[in-house]
Amino acid sequence: MAIQLNTTVANEILNSLFKGSAFTAKTAYLALFDGVTEVTNTLTGTNRPQIWSVDTVASGALVNAADFTIIASAVGAADVDGVQIYDASTGGNALTIKKTVTAQSYNAGDEVKINANNLEFTLNV
């Protein structure tokens, strides 16, 4: 699932490359959505989890090198039809445009998992 960077992040990268502006590395947190409503806390009982275990960047892509698993707590059930990356575990700024995924219903205790090599940030090269 390739995820598109939002305009603000793309502008920061371009300004860094071509204008010498400082670029601050971001910490990535995964948000799960049902439509326009974030359901991360409903499923996990906590804030957005920090993500990223990556191999090297190659061919303009950064991909998760390992499975990324969230064990849903007994807090509640929710449907997930979108994912988005933020720079904070709560609040914060969206780093990506929300990616629509195949809708999936999760019940309390279900595992939410993104398999290795399925979460990808891509820059056109």
PDB file of N, CA and C in Angstrom:
ATOM      1  N   MET A   1       0.847  -1.158   0.000  1.00  0.00           N
ATOM      2  CA  MET A   1       0.000   0.000   0.000  1.00  0.00           C
ATOM      3  C   MET A   1       0.896   1.226   0.000  1.00  0.00           C
ATOM      4  N   ALA A   2       1.017   1.881  -1.113  1.00  0.00           N
ATOM      5  CA  ALA A   2       1.823   3.097  -1.209  1.00  0.00           C
ATOM      6  C   ALA A   2       1.043   4.252  -0.601  1.00  0.00           C
ATOM      7  N   ILE A   3       1.722   5.051   0.177  1.00  0.00           N
ATOM      8  CA  ILE A   3       1.087   6.179   0.850  1.00  0.00           C
ATOM      9  C   ILE A   3       1.715   7.468   0.350  1.00  0.00           C
ATOM     10  N   GLN A   4       0.880   8.427   0.007  1.00  0.00           N
ATOM     11  CA  GLN A   4       1.339   9.697  -0.527  1.00  0.00           C
ATOM     12  C   GLN A   4       1.639  10.680   0.596  1.00  0.00           C
ATOM     13  N   LEU A   5       2.801  11.311   0.527  1.00  0.00           N
ATOM     14  CA  LEU A   5       3.149  12.348   1.491  1.00  0.00           C
ATOM     15  C   LEU A   5       2.235  13.549   1.290  1.00  0.00           C
ATOM     16  N   ASN A   6       1.935  14.260   2.380  1.00  0.00           N
ATOM     17  CA  ASN A   6       1.099  15.437   2.208  1.00  0.00           C
ATOM     18  C   ASN A   6       1.937  16.593   1.670  1.00  0.00           C
ATOM     19  N   THR A   7       1.274  17.657   1.250  1.00  0.00           N
ATOM     20  CA  THR A   7       1.936  18.780   0.601  1.00  0.00           C
ATOM     21  C   THR A   7       2.966  19.441   1.511  1.00  0.00           C
ATOM     22  N   THR A   8       2.656  19.587   2.794  1.00  0.00           N
ATOM     23  CA  THR A   8       3.582  20.235   3.720  1.00  0.00           C
ATOM     24  C   THR A   8       4.899  19.482   3.797  1.00  0.00           C
ATOM     25  N   VAL A   9       4.843  18.159   3.915  1.00  0.00           N
ATOM     26  CA  VAL A   9       6.060  17.353   3.996  1.00  0.00           C
ATOM     27  C   VAL A   9       6.807  17.390   2.666  1.00  0.00           C
ATOM     28  N   ALA A  10       6.081  17.285   1.567  1.00  0.00           N
ATOM     29  CA  ALA A  10       6.721  17.354   0.255  1.00  0.00           C
ATOM     30  C   ALA A  10       7.443  18.685   0.082  1.00  0.00           C
ATOM     31  N   ASN A  11       6.817  19.780   0.508  1.00  0.00           N
ATOM     32  CA  ASN A  11       7.450  21.090   0.417  1.00  0.00           C
ATOM     33  C   ASN A  11       8.706  21.170   1.282  1.00  0.00           C
ATOM     34  N   GLU A  12       8.660  20.594   2.491  1.00  0.00           N
ATOM     35  CA  GLU A  12       9.844  20.582   3.358  1.00  0.00           C
ATOM     36  C   GLU A  12      11.000  19.846   2.693  1.00  0.00           C
ATOM     37  N   ILE A  13      10.695  18.716   2.066  1.00  0.00           N
ATOM     38  CA  ILE A  13      11.739  17.936   1.390  1.00  0.00           C
ATOM     39  C   ILE A  13      12.330  18.741   0.235  1.00  0.00           C
ATOM     40  N   LEU A  14      11.481  19.329  -0.587  1.00  0.00           N
ATOM     41  CA  LEU A  14      11.959  20.103  -1.726  1.00  0.00           C
ATOM     42  C   LEU A  14      12.751  21.325  -1.287  1.00  0.00           C
ATOM     43  N   ASN A  15      12.282  22.014  -0.253  1.00  0.00           N
ATOM     44  CA  ASN A  15      13.021  23.168   0.263  1.00  0.00           C
ATOM     45  C   ASN A  15      14.385  22.750   0.795  1.00  0.00           C
ATOM     46  N   SER A  16      14.443  21.602   1.422  1.00  0.00           N
ATOM     47  CA  SER A  16      15.718  21.099   1.930  1.00  0.00           C
ATOM     48  C   SER A  16      16.673  20.766   0.789  1.00  0.00           C
ATOM     49  N   LEU A  17      16.158  20.094  -0.228  1.00  0.00           N
ATOM     50  CA  LEU A  17      16.998  19.685  -1.360  1.00  0.00           C
ATOM     51  C   LEU A  17      17.500  20.862  -2.188  1.00  0.00           C
ATOM     52  N   PHE A  18      16.609  21.805  -2.482  1.00  0.00           N
ATOM     53  CA  PHE A  18      16.936  22.817  -3.471  1.00  0.00           C
ATOM     54  C   PHE A  18      17.186  24.215  -2.916  1.00  0.00           C
ATOM     55  N   LYS A  19      16.817  24.448  -1.658  1.00  0.00           N
ATOM     56  CA  LYS A  19      17.009  25.773  -1.086  1.00  0.00           C
ATOM     57  C   LYS A  19      17.891  25.746   0.152  1.00  0.00           C
ATOM     58  N   GLY A  20      18.315  24.542   0.558  1.00  0.00           N
ATOM     59  CA  GLY A  20      19.195  24.439   1.719  1.00  0.00           C
ATOM     60  C   GLY A  20      18.507  24.633   3.053  1.00  0.00           C
ATOM     61  N   SER A  21      17.179  24.616   3.058  1.00  0.00           N
ATOM     62  CA  SER A  21      16.446  24.762   4.316  1.00  0.00           C
ATOM     63  C   SER A  21      16.651  23.520   5.179  1.00  0.00           C
ATOM     64  N   ALA A  22      16.638  23.720   6.474  1.00  0.00           N
ATOM     65  CA  ALA A  22      16.787  22.582   7.391  1.00  0.00           C
ATOM     66  C   ALA A  22      15.545  21.701   7.319  1.00  0.00           C
ATOM     67  N   PHE A  23      15.768  20.416   7.375  1.00  0.00           N
ATOM     68  CA  PHE A  23      14.660  19.459   7.418  1.00  0.00           C
ATOM     69  C   PHE A  23      14.798  18.651   8.693  1.00  0.00           C
ATOM     70  N   THR A  24      13.740  18.575   9.454  1.00  0.00           N
ATOM     71  CA  THR A  24      13.743  17.818  10.692  1.00  0.00           C
ATOM     72  C   THR A  24      13.125  16.453  10.455  1.00  0.00           C
ATOM     73  N   ALA A  25      13.877  15.411  10.803  1.00  0.00           N
ATOM     74  CA  ALA A  25      13.353  14.047  10.657  1.00  0.00           C
ATOM     75  C   ALA A  25      12.102  13.899  11.512  1.00  0.00           C
ATOM     76  N   LYS A  26      11.161  13.132  11.023  1.00  0.00           N
ATOM     77  CA  LYS A  26       9.880  12.939  11.700  1.00  0.00           C
ATOM     78  C   LYS A  26       9.822  11.553  12.342  1.00  0.00           C
ATOM     79  N   THR A  27       9.151  11.486  13.472  1.00  0.00           N
ATOM     80  CA  THR A  27       8.801  10.213  14.080  1.00  0.00           C
ATOM     81  C   THR A  27       7.410   9.875  13.576  1.00  0.00           C
ATOM     82  N   ALA A  28       7.209   8.646  13.146  1.00  0.00           N
ATOM     83  CA  ALA A  28       5.952   8.265  12.508  1.00  0.00           C
ATOM     84  C   ALA A  28       5.063   7.467  13.453  1.00  0.00           C
ATOM     85  N   TYR A  29       3.794   7.835  13.481  1.00  0.00           N
ATOM     86  CA  TYR A  29       2.782   7.155  14.283  1.00  0.00           C
ATOM     87  C   TYR A  29       1.611   6.785  13.377  1.00  0.00           C
ATOM     88  N   LEU A  30       1.107   5.581  13.531  1.00  0.00           N
ATOM     89  CA  LEU A  30       0.039   5.077  12.677  1.00  0.00           C
ATOM     90  C   LEU A  30      -1.336   5.387  13.258  1.00  0.00           C
ATOM     91  N   ALA A  31      -2.186   5.999  12.441  1.00  0.00           N
ATOM     92  CA  ALA A  31      -3.576   6.263  12.815  1.00  0.00           C
ATOM     93  C   ALA A  31      -4.481   5.399  11.953  1.00  0.00           C
ATOM     94  N   LEU A  32      -5.476   4.808  12.577  1.00  0.00           N
ATOM     95  CA  LEU A  32      -6.459   3.968  11.882  1.00  0.00           C
ATOM     96  C   LEU A  32      -7.783   4.720  11.819  1.00  0.00           C
ATOM     97  N   PHE A  33      -8.447   4.648  10.670  1.00  0.00           N
ATOM     98  CA  PHE A  33      -9.671   5.410  10.468  1.00  0.00           C
ATOM     99  C   PHE A  33     -10.828   4.534  10.024  1.00  0.00           C
ATOM    100  N   ASP A  34     -12.028   4.968  10.425  1.00  0.00           N
ATOM    101  CA  ASP A  34     -13.296   4.468   9.897  1.00  0.00           C
ATOM    102  C   ASP A  34     -13.961   5.688   9.281  1.00  0.00           C
ATOM    103  N   GLY A  35     -13.863   5.810   7.966  1.00  0.00           N
ATOM    104  CA  GLY A  35     -14.341   7.027   7.314  1.00  0.00           C
ATOM    105  C   GLY A  35     -13.476   8.197   7.730  1.00  0.00           C
ATOM    106  N   VAL A  36     -14.097   9.226   8.302  1.00  0.00           N
ATOM    107  CA  VAL A  36     -13.347  10.400   8.746  1.00  0.00           C
ATOM    108  C   VAL A  36     -13.008  10.348  10.230  1.00  0.00           C
ATOM    109  N   THR A  37     -13.429   9.295  10.915  1.00  0.00           N
ATOM    110  CA  THR A  37     -13.230   9.188  12.359  1.00  0.00           C
ATOM    111  C   THR A  37     -12.028   8.318  12.679  1.00  0.00           C
ATOM    112  N   GLU A  38     -11.100   8.868  13.466  1.00  0.00           N
ATOM    113  CA  GLU A  38      -9.966   8.055  13.885  1.00  0.00           C
ATOM    114  C   GLU A  38     -10.428   7.068  14.955  1.00  0.00           C
ATOM    115  N   VAL A  39     -10.079   5.787  14.776  1.00  0.00           N
ATOM    116  CA  VAL A  39     -10.514   4.737  15.693  1.00  0.00           C
ATOM    117  C   VAL A  39      -9.336   4.031  16.367  1.00  0.00           C
ATOM    118  N   THR A  40      -8.145   4.616  16.266  1.00  0.00           N
ATOM    119  CA  THR A  40      -6.957   3.999  16.858  1.00  0.00           C
ATOM    120  C   THR A  40      -7.160   3.723  18.338  1.00  0.00           C
ATOM    121  N   ASN A  41      -7.607   4.724  19.081  1.00  0.00           N
ATOM    122  CA  ASN A  41      -7.786   4.574  20.520  1.00  0.00           C
ATOM    123  C   ASN A  41      -8.890   3.575  20.841  1.00  0.00           C
ATOM    124  N   THR A  42      -9.944   3.545  20.029  1.00  0.00           N
ATOM    125  CA  THR A  42     -11.038   2.590  20.243  1.00  0.00           C
ATOM    126  C   THR A  42     -10.513   1.163  20.188  1.00  0.00           C
ATOM    127  N   LEU A  43      -9.637   0.902  19.221  1.00  0.00           N
ATOM    128  CA  LEU A  43      -9.115  -0.455  19.053  1.00  0.00           C
ATOM    129  C   LEU A  43      -8.009  -0.798  20.035  1.00  0.00           C
ATOM    130  N   THR A  44      -7.136   0.137  20.291  1.00  0.00           N
ATOM    131  CA  THR A  44      -5.936  -0.174  21.083  1.00  0.00           C
ATOM    132  C   THR A  44      -6.054   0.193  22.542  1.00  0.00           C
ATOM    133  N   GLY A  45      -6.963   1.091  22.877  1.00  0.00           N
ATOM    134  CA  GLY A  45      -7.075   1.554  24.256  1.00  0.00           C
ATOM    135  C   GLY A  45      -5.954   2.506  24.631  1.00  0.00           C
ATOM    136  N   THR A  46      -5.201   2.940  23.641  1.00  0.00           N
ATOM    137  CA  THR A  46      -4.085   3.838  23.900  1.00  0.00           C
ATOM    138  C   THR A  46      -3.888   4.749  22.689  1.00  0.00           C
ATOM    139  N   ASN A  47      -2.822   5.507  22.697  1.00  0.00           N
ATOM    140  CA  ASN A  47      -2.538   6.442  21.614  1.00  0.00           C
ATOM    141  C   ASN A  47      -2.045   5.717  20.367  1.00  0.00           C
ATOM    142  N   ARG A  48      -1.809   6.482  19.315  1.00  0.00           N
ATOM    143  CA  ARG A  48      -1.258   5.917  18.083  1.00  0.00           C
ATOM    144  C   ARG A  48       0.083   5.252  18.371  1.00  0.00           C
ATOM    145  N   PRO A  49       0.325   4.073  17.821  1.00  0.00           N
ATOM    146  CA  PRO A  49       1.618   3.417  18.010  1.00  0.00           C
ATOM    147  C   PRO A  49       2.672   3.996  17.068  1.00  0.00           C
ATOM    148  N   GLN A  50       3.902   4.076  17.593  1.00  0.00           N
ATOM    149  CA  GLN A  50       5.015   4.498  16.740  1.00  0.00           C
ATOM    150  C   GLN A  50       5.345   3.359  15.790  1.00  0.00           C
ATOM    151  N   ILE A  51       5.604   3.704  14.554  1.00  0.00           N
ATOM    152  CA  ILE A  51       5.922   2.686  13.558  1.00  0.00           C
ATOM    153  C   ILE A  51       7.306   2.906  12.990  1.00  0.00           C
ATOM    154  N   TRP A  52       7.781   1.924  12.364  1.00  0.00           N
ATOM    155  CA  TRP A  52       8.886   1.960  11.439  1.00  0.00           C
ATOM    156  C   TRP A  52      10.024   1.064  11.832  1.00  0.00           C
ATOM    157  N   SER A  53      10.170   0.054  11.074  1.00  0.00           N
ATOM    158  CA  SER A  53      11.337  -0.815  11.065  1.00  0.00           C
ATOM    159  C   SER A  53      11.636  -0.952   9.593  1.00  0.00           C
ATOM    160  N   VAL A  54      12.662  -0.269   9.137  1.00  0.00           N
ATOM    161  CA  VAL A  54      12.881  -0.206   7.693  1.00  0.00           C
ATOM    162  C   VAL A  54      14.247  -0.727   7.300  1.00  0.00           C
ATOM    163  N   ASP A  55      14.290  -1.205   6.095  1.00  0.00           N
ATOM    164  CA  ASP A  55      15.571  -1.467   5.467  1.00  0.00           C
ATOM    165  C   ASP A  55      16.013  -0.134   4.869  1.00  0.00           C
ATOM    166  N   THR A  56      16.967  -0.140   4.012  1.00  0.00           N
ATOM    167  CA  THR A  56      17.405   1.102   3.393  1.00  0.00           C
ATOM    168  C   THR A  56      16.386   1.572   2.365  1.00  0.00           C
ATOM    169  N   VAL A  57      16.427   2.848   2.099  1.00  0.00           N
ATOM    170  CA  VAL A  57      15.585   3.409   1.050  1.00  0.00           C
ATOM    171  C   VAL A  57      16.177   2.989  -0.291  1.00  0.00           C
ATOM    172  N   ALA A  58      15.331   2.532  -1.211  1.00  0.00           N
ATOM    173  CA  ALA A  58      15.795   2.122  -2.530  1.00  0.00           C
ATOM    174  C   ALA A  58      14.739   2.448  -3.570  1.00  0.00           C
ATOM    175  N   SER A  59      15.168   2.888  -4.719  1.00  0.00           N
ATOM    176  CA  SER A  59      14.270   3.196  -5.843  1.00  0.00           C
ATOM    177  C   SER A  59      13.169   4.170  -5.446  1.00  0.00           C
ATOM    178  N   GLY A  60      13.502   5.114  -4.576  1.00  0.00           N
ATOM    179  CA  GLY A  60      12.533   6.130  -4.179  1.00  0.00           C
ATOM    180  C   GLY A  60      11.469   5.637  -3.232  1.00  0.00           C
ATOM    181  N   ALA A  61      11.695   4.495  -2.575  1.00  0.00           N
ATOM    182  CA  ALA A  61      10.679   3.937  -1.677  1.00  0.00           C
ATOM    183  C   ALA A  61      11.271   3.582  -0.317  1.00  0.00           C
ATOM    184  N   LEU A  62      10.492   3.802   0.704  1.00  0.00           N
ATOM    185  CA  LEU A  62      10.805   3.416   2.072  1.00  0.00           C
ATOM    186  C   LEU A  62       9.701   2.462   2.504  1.00  0.00           C
ATOM    187  N   VAL A  63      10.065   1.238   2.867  1.00  0.00           N
ATOM    188  CA  VAL A  63       9.080   0.180   3.109  1.00  0.00           C
ATOM    189  C   VAL A  63       9.301  -0.424   4.491  1.00  0.00           C
ATOM    190  N   ASN A  64       8.190  -0.841   5.148  1.00  0.00           N
ATOM    191  CA  ASN A  64       8.335  -1.514   6.437  1.00  0.00           C
ATOM    192  C   ASN A  64       9.017  -2.858   6.241  1.00  0.00           C
ATOM    193  N   ALA A  65      10.116  -3.071   6.958  1.00  0.00           N
ATOM    194  CA  ALA A  65      10.922  -4.282   6.795  1.00  0.00           C
ATOM    195  C   ALA A  65      10.355  -5.461   7.574  1.00  0.00           C
ATOM    196  N   ALA A  66       9.550  -5.173   8.565  1.00  0.00           N
ATOM    197  CA  ALA A  66       9.006  -6.242   9.410  1.00  0.00           C
ATOM    198  C   ALA A  66       7.499  -6.064   9.545  1.00  0.00           C
ATOM    199  N   ASP A  67       6.827  -7.132   9.937  1.00  0.00           N
ATOM    200  CA  ASP A  67       5.402  -7.030  10.225  1.00  0.00           C
ATOM    201  C   ASP A  67       5.192  -5.981  11.308  1.00  0.00           C
ATOM    202  N   PHE A  68       4.107  -5.240  11.196  1.00  0.00           N
ATOM    203  CA  PHE A  68       3.751  -4.259  12.208  1.00  0.00           C
ATOM    204  C   PHE A  68       2.410  -4.688  12.773  1.00  0.00           C
ATOM    205  N   THR A  69       2.398  -5.072  14.041  1.00  0.00           N
ATOM    206  CA  THR A  69       1.204  -5.640  14.642  1.00  0.00           C
ATOM    207  C   THR A  69       0.734  -4.799  15.820  1.00  0.00           C
ATOM    208  N   ILE A  70      -0.567  -4.547  15.841  1.00  0.00           N
ATOM    209  CA  ILE A  70      -1.219  -3.909  16.976  1.00  0.00           C
ATOM    210  C   ILE A  70      -2.185  -4.944  17.524  1.00  0.00           C
ATOM    211  N   ILE A  71      -2.043  -5.283  18.754  1.00  0.00           N
ATOM    212  CA  ILE A  71      -3.009  -6.189  19.373  1.00  0.00           C
ATOM    213  C   ILE A  71      -4.136  -5.326  19.926  1.00  0.00           C
ATOM    214  N   ALA A  72      -5.308  -5.510  19.404  1.00  0.00           N
ATOM    215  CA  ALA A  72      -6.446  -4.730  19.880  1.00  0.00           C
ATOM    216  C   ALA A  72      -6.770  -5.117  21.315  1.00  0.00           C
ATOM    217  N   SER A  73      -7.094  -4.133  22.107  1.00  0.00           N
ATOM    218  CA  SER A  73      -7.425  -4.407  23.498  1.00  0.00           C
ATOM    219  C   SER A  73      -8.900  -4.742  23.628  1.00  0.00           C
ATOM    220  N   ALA A  74      -9.326  -4.954  24.821  1.00  0.00           N
ATOM    221  CA  ALA A  74     -10.734  -5.245  25.086  1.00  0.00           C
ATOM    222  C   ALA A  74     -11.564  -3.971  25.115  1.00  0.00           C
ATOM    223  N   VAL A  75     -10.965  -2.850  24.742  1.00  0.00           N
ATOM    224  CA  VAL A  75     -11.659  -1.569  24.824  1.00  0.00           C
ATOM    225  C   VAL A  75     -12.876  -1.526  23.919  1.00  0.00           C
ATOM    226  N   GLY A  76     -12.736  -1.989  22.690  1.00  0.00           N
ATOM    227  CA  GLY A  76     -13.885  -1.910  21.806  1.00  0.00           C
ATOM    228  C   GLY A  76     -13.613  -2.477  20.440  1.00  0.00           C
ATOM    229  N   ALA A  77     -14.630  -2.409  19.609  1.00  0.00           N
ATOM    230  CA  ALA A  77     -14.549  -2.898  18.241  1.00  0.00           C
ATOM    231  C   ALA A  77     -14.691  -1.709  17.302  1.00  0.00           C
ATOM    232  N   ALA A  78     -14.165  -1.869  16.093  1.00  0.00           N
ATOM    233  CA  ALA A  78     -14.276  -0.791  15.109  1.00  0.00           C
ATOM    234  C   ALA A  78     -14.008  -1.351  13.715  1.00  0.00           C
ATOM    235  N   ASP A  79     -14.482  -0.618  12.739  1.00  0.00           N
ATOM    236  CA  ASP A  79     -14.149  -0.906  11.352  1.00  0.00           C
ATOM    237  C   ASP A  79     -12.985  -0.003  10.968  1.00  0.00           C
ATOM    238  N   VAL A  80     -12.101  -0.519  10.122  1.00  0.00           N
ATOM    239  CA  VAL A  80     -10.974   0.274   9.631  1.00  0.00           C
ATOM    240  C   VAL A  80     -11.030   0.269   8.110  1.00  0.00           C
ATOM    241  N   ASP A  81     -11.041   1.471   7.525  1.00  0.00           N
ATOM    242  CA  ASP A  81     -11.016   1.580   6.068  1.00  0.00           C
ATOM    243  C   ASP A  81      -9.991   2.597   5.579  1.00  0.00           C
ATOM    244  N   GLY A  82      -9.126   3.046   6.507  1.00  0.00           N
ATOM    245  CA  GLY A  82      -8.093   3.990   6.109  1.00  0.00           C
ATOM    246  C   GLY A  82      -6.974   4.053   7.128  1.00  0.00           C
ATOM    247  N   VAL A  83      -5.777   4.395   6.637  1.00  0.00           N
ATOM    248  CA  VAL A  83      -4.623   4.598   7.509  1.00  0.00           C
ATOM    249  C   VAL A  83      -3.972   5.918   7.137  1.00  0.00           C
ATOM    250  N   GLN A  84      -3.339   6.529   8.131  1.00  0.00           N
ATOM    251  CA  GLN A  84      -2.645   7.786   7.908  1.00  0.00           C
ATOM    252  C   GLN A  84      -1.495   7.863   8.909  1.00  0.00           C
ATOM    253  N   ILE A  85      -0.429   8.537   8.520  1.00  0.00           N
ATOM    254  CA  ILE A  85       0.741   8.668   9.370  1.00  0.00           C
ATOM    255  C   ILE A  85       0.784  10.079   9.950  1.00  0.00           C
ATOM    256  N   TYR A  86       1.018  10.170  11.259  1.00  0.00           N
ATOM    257  CA  TYR A  86       1.116  11.443  11.966  1.00  0.00           C
ATOM    258  C   TYR A  86       2.495  11.578  12.603  1.00  0.00           C
ATOM    259  N   ASP A  87       2.808  12.787  13.062  1.00  0.00           N
ATOM    260  CA  ASP A  87       4.096  13.032  13.715  1.00  0.00           C
ATOM    261  C   ASP A  87       3.992  13.033  15.237  1.00  0.00           C
ATOM    262  N   ALA A  88       2.866  12.590  15.767  1.00  0.00           N
ATOM    263  CA  ALA A  88       2.675  12.545  17.220  1.00  0.00           C
ATOM    264  C   ALA A  88       1.705  11.423  17.573  1.00  0.00           C
ATOM    265  N   SER A  89       1.820  10.929  18.796  1.00  0.00           N
ATOM    266  CA  SER A  89       0.943   9.836  19.223  1.00  0.00           C
ATOM    267  C   SER A  89      -0.480  10.319  19.487  1.00  0.00           C
ATOM    268  N   THR A  90      -0.631  11.608  19.779  1.00  0.00           N
ATOM    269  CA  THR A  90      -1.953  12.234  19.882  1.00  0.00           C
ATOM    270  C   THR A  90      -1.854  13.596  19.212  1.00  0.00           C
ATOM    271  N   GLY A  91      -2.961  14.070  18.671  1.00  0.00           N
ATOM    272  CA  GLY A  91      -2.915  15.369  18.001  1.00  0.00           C
ATOM    273  C   GLY A  91      -1.891  15.336  16.877  1.00  0.00           C
ATOM    274  N   GLY A  92      -1.038  16.324  16.844  1.00  0.00           N
ATOM    275  CA  GLY A  92       0.041  16.356  15.872  1.00  0.00           C
ATOM    276  C   GLY A  92      -0.419  16.710  14.474  1.00  0.00           C
ATOM    277  N   ASN A  93       0.494  16.506  13.535  1.00  0.00           N
ATOM    278  CA  ASN A  93       0.257  16.858  12.142  1.00  0.00           C
ATOM    279  C   ASN A  93       0.269  15.609  11.275  1.00  0.00           C
ATOM    280  N   ALA A  94      -0.637  15.569  10.320  1.00  0.00           N
ATOM    281  CA  ALA A  94      -0.643  14.466   9.365  1.00  0.00           C
ATOM    282  C   ALA A  94       0.562  14.615   8.445  1.00  0.00           C
ATOM    283  N   LEU A  95       1.316  13.535   8.270  1.00  0.00           N
ATOM    284  CA  LEU A  95       2.466  13.543   7.371  1.00  0.00           C
ATOM    285  C   LEU A  95       2.098  13.005   6.000  1.00  0.00           C
ATOM    286  N   THR A  96       0.990  12.300   5.937  1.00  0.00           N
ATOM    287  CA  THR A  96       0.565  11.679   4.689  1.00  0.00           C
ATOM    288  C   THR A  96      -0.892  12.011   4.418  1.00  0.00           C
ATOM    289  N   ILE A  97      -1.284  11.760   3.210  1.00  0.00           N
ATOM    290  CA  ILE A  97      -2.692  11.805   2.850  1.00  0.00           C
ATOM    291  C   ILE A  97      -3.279  10.459   3.258  1.00  0.00           C
ATOM    292  N   LYS A  98      -4.497  10.478   3.789  1.00  0.00           N
ATOM    293  CA  LYS A  98      -5.106   9.228   4.245  1.00  0.00           C
ATOM    294  C   LYS A  98      -5.236   8.245   3.098  1.00  0.00           C
ATOM    295  N   LYS A  99      -4.794   7.027   3.342  1.00  0.00           N
ATOM    296  CA  LYS A  99      -4.840   5.951   2.349  1.00  0.00           C
ATOM    297  C   LYS A  99      -6.044   5.071   2.640  1.00  0.00           C
ATOM    298  N   THR A 100      -6.923   4.923   1.662  1.00  0.00           N
ATOM    299  CA  THR A 100      -8.063   4.031   1.799  1.00  0.00           C
ATOM    300  C   THR A 100      -7.588   2.596   1.623  1.00  0.00           C
ATOM    301  N   VAL A 101      -8.039   1.749   2.509  1.00  0.00           N
ATOM    302  CA  VAL A 101      -7.695   0.332   2.438  1.00  0.00           C
ATOM    303  C   VAL A 101      -8.989  -0.476   2.407  1.00  0.00           C
ATOM    304  N   THR A 102      -8.879  -1.743   2.086  1.00  0.00           N
ATOM    305  CA  THR A 102     -10.046  -2.619   2.100  1.00  0.00           C
ATOM    306  C   THR A 102     -10.620  -2.634   3.513  1.00  0.00           C
ATOM    307  N   ALA A 103     -11.889  -2.322   3.635  1.00  0.00           N
ATOM    308  CA  ALA A 103     -12.527  -2.245   4.948  1.00  0.00           C
ATOM    309  C   ALA A 103     -12.426  -3.571   5.688  1.00  0.00           C
ATOM    310  N   GLN A 104     -12.145  -3.467   6.966  1.00  0.00           N
ATOM    311  CA  GLN A 104     -12.013  -4.650   7.821  1.00  0.00           C
ATOM    312  C   GLN A 104     -12.648  -4.337   9.165  1.00  0.00           C
ATOM    313  N   SER A 105     -13.442  -5.266   9.673  1.00  0.00           N
ATOM    314  CA  SER A 105     -14.037  -5.113  11.002  1.00  0.00           C
ATOM    315  C   SER A 105     -13.166  -5.825  12.027  1.00  0.00           C
ATOM    316  N   TYR A 106     -12.933  -5.160  13.132  1.00  0.00           N
ATOM    317  CA  TYR A 106     -12.143  -5.732  14.214  1.00  0.00           C
ATOM    318  C   TYR A 106     -12.974  -5.751  15.485  1.00  0.00           C
ATOM    319  N   ASN A 107     -12.890  -6.857  16.201  1.00  0.00           N
ATOM    320  CA  ASN A 107     -13.559  -6.984  17.488  1.00  0.00           C
ATOM    321  C   ASN A 107     -12.522  -6.876  18.585  1.00  0.00           C
ATOM    322  N   ALA A 108     -12.990  -6.705  19.813  1.00  0.00           N
ATOM    323  CA  ALA A 108     -12.073  -6.632  20.946  1.00  0.00           C
ATOM    324  C   ALA A 108     -11.165  -7.851  20.935  1.00  0.00           C
ATOM    325  N   GLY A 109      -9.865  -7.622  21.061  1.00  0.00           N
ATOM    326  CA  GLY A 109      -8.895  -8.698  21.099  1.00  0.00           C
ATOM    327  C   GLY A 109      -8.338  -9.112  19.753  1.00  0.00           C
ATOM    328  N   ASP A 110      -8.936  -8.641  18.661  1.00  0.00           N
ATOM    329  CA  ASP A 110      -8.424  -8.988  17.328  1.00  0.00           C
ATOM    330  C   ASP A 110      -7.069  -8.331  17.086  1.00  0.00           C
ATOM    331  N   GLU A 111      -6.296  -8.971  16.233  1.00  0.00           N
ATOM    332  CA  GLU A 111      -4.983  -8.453  15.857  1.00  0.00           C
ATOM    333  C   GLU A 111      -5.120  -7.584  14.609  1.00  0.00           C
ATOM    334  N   VAL A 112      -4.566  -6.391  14.677  1.00  0.00           N
ATOM    335  CA  VAL A 112      -4.474  -5.512  13.514  1.00  0.00           C
ATOM    336  C   VAL A 112      -3.033  -5.595  13.056  1.00  0.00           C
ATOM    337  N   LYS A 113      -2.824  -6.003  11.804  1.00  0.00           N
ATOM    338  CA  LYS A 113      -1.466  -6.268  11.346  1.00  0.00           C
ATOM    339  C   LYS A 113      -1.249  -5.731   9.940  1.00  0.00           C
ATOM    340  N   ILE A 114      -0.091  -5.095   9.743  1.00  0.00           N
ATOM    341  CA  ILE A 114       0.362  -4.709   8.414  1.00  0.00           C
ATOM    342  C   ILE A 114       1.579  -5.574   8.132  1.00  0.00           C
ATOM    343  N   ASN A 115       1.467  -6.424   7.136  1.00  0.00           N
ATOM    344  CA  ASN A 115       2.557  -7.338   6.813  1.00  0.00           C
ATOM    345  C   ASN A 115       3.778  -6.584   6.308  1.00  0.00           C
ATOM    346  N   ALA A 116       4.935  -7.191   6.481  1.00  0.00           N
ATOM    347  CA  ALA A 116       6.187  -6.624   5.975  1.00  0.00           C
ATOM    348  C   ALA A 116       6.047  -6.305   4.491  1.00  0.00           C
ATOM    349  N   ASN A 117       6.646  -5.208   4.114  1.00  0.00           N
ATOM    350  CA  ASN A 117       6.663  -4.751   2.717  1.00  0.00           C
ATOM    351  C   ASN A 117       5.307  -4.287   2.199  1.00  0.00           C
ATOM    352  N   ASN A 118       4.354  -4.001   3.084  1.00  0.00           N
ATOM    353  CA  ASN A 118       3.036  -3.539   2.648  1.00  0.00           C
ATOM    354  C   ASN A 118       2.727  -2.093   3.005  1.00  0.00           C
ATOM    355  N   LEU A 119       3.600  -1.443   3.752  1.00  0.00           N
ATOM    356  CA  LEU A 119       3.421  -0.028   4.071  1.00  0.00           C
ATOM    357  C   LEU A 119       4.597   0.689   3.437  1.00  0.00           C
ATOM    358  N   GLU A 120       4.311   1.499   2.440  1.00  0.00           N
ATOM    359  CA  GLU A 120       5.384   2.052   1.601  1.00  0.00           C
ATOM    360  C   GLU A 120       5.202   3.538   1.368  1.00  0.00           C
ATOM    361  N   PHE A 121       6.268   4.288   1.570  1.00  0.00           N
ATOM    362  CA  PHE A 121       6.306   5.694   1.187  1.00  0.00           C
ATOM    363  C   PHE A 121       7.097   5.749  -0.118  1.00  0.00           C
ATOM    364  N   THR A 122       6.525   6.361  -1.132  1.00  0.00           N
ATOM    365  CA  THR A 122       7.166   6.381  -2.430  1.00  0.00           C
ATOM    366  C   THR A 122       7.277   7.810  -2.960  1.00  0.00           C
ATOM    367  N   LEU A 123       8.435   8.127  -3.488  1.00  0.00           N
ATOM    368  CA  LEU A 123       8.624   9.377  -4.234  1.00  0.00           C
ATOM    369  C   LEU A 123       8.832   8.978  -5.684  1.00  0.00           C
ATOM    370  N   ASN A 124       8.170   9.644  -6.576  1.00  0.00           N
ATOM    371  CA  ASN A 124       8.325   9.319  -7.992  1.00  0.00           C
ATOM    372  C   ASN A 124       9.751   9.624  -8.425  1.00  0.00           C
ATOM    373  N   VAL A 125      10.393   8.636  -9.044  1.00  0.00           N
ATOM    374  CA  VAL A 125      11.770   8.831  -9.526  1.00  0.00           C
ATOM    375  C   VAL A 125      11.855   8.493 -11.002  1.00  0.00           C
TER     376      VAL A 125
END
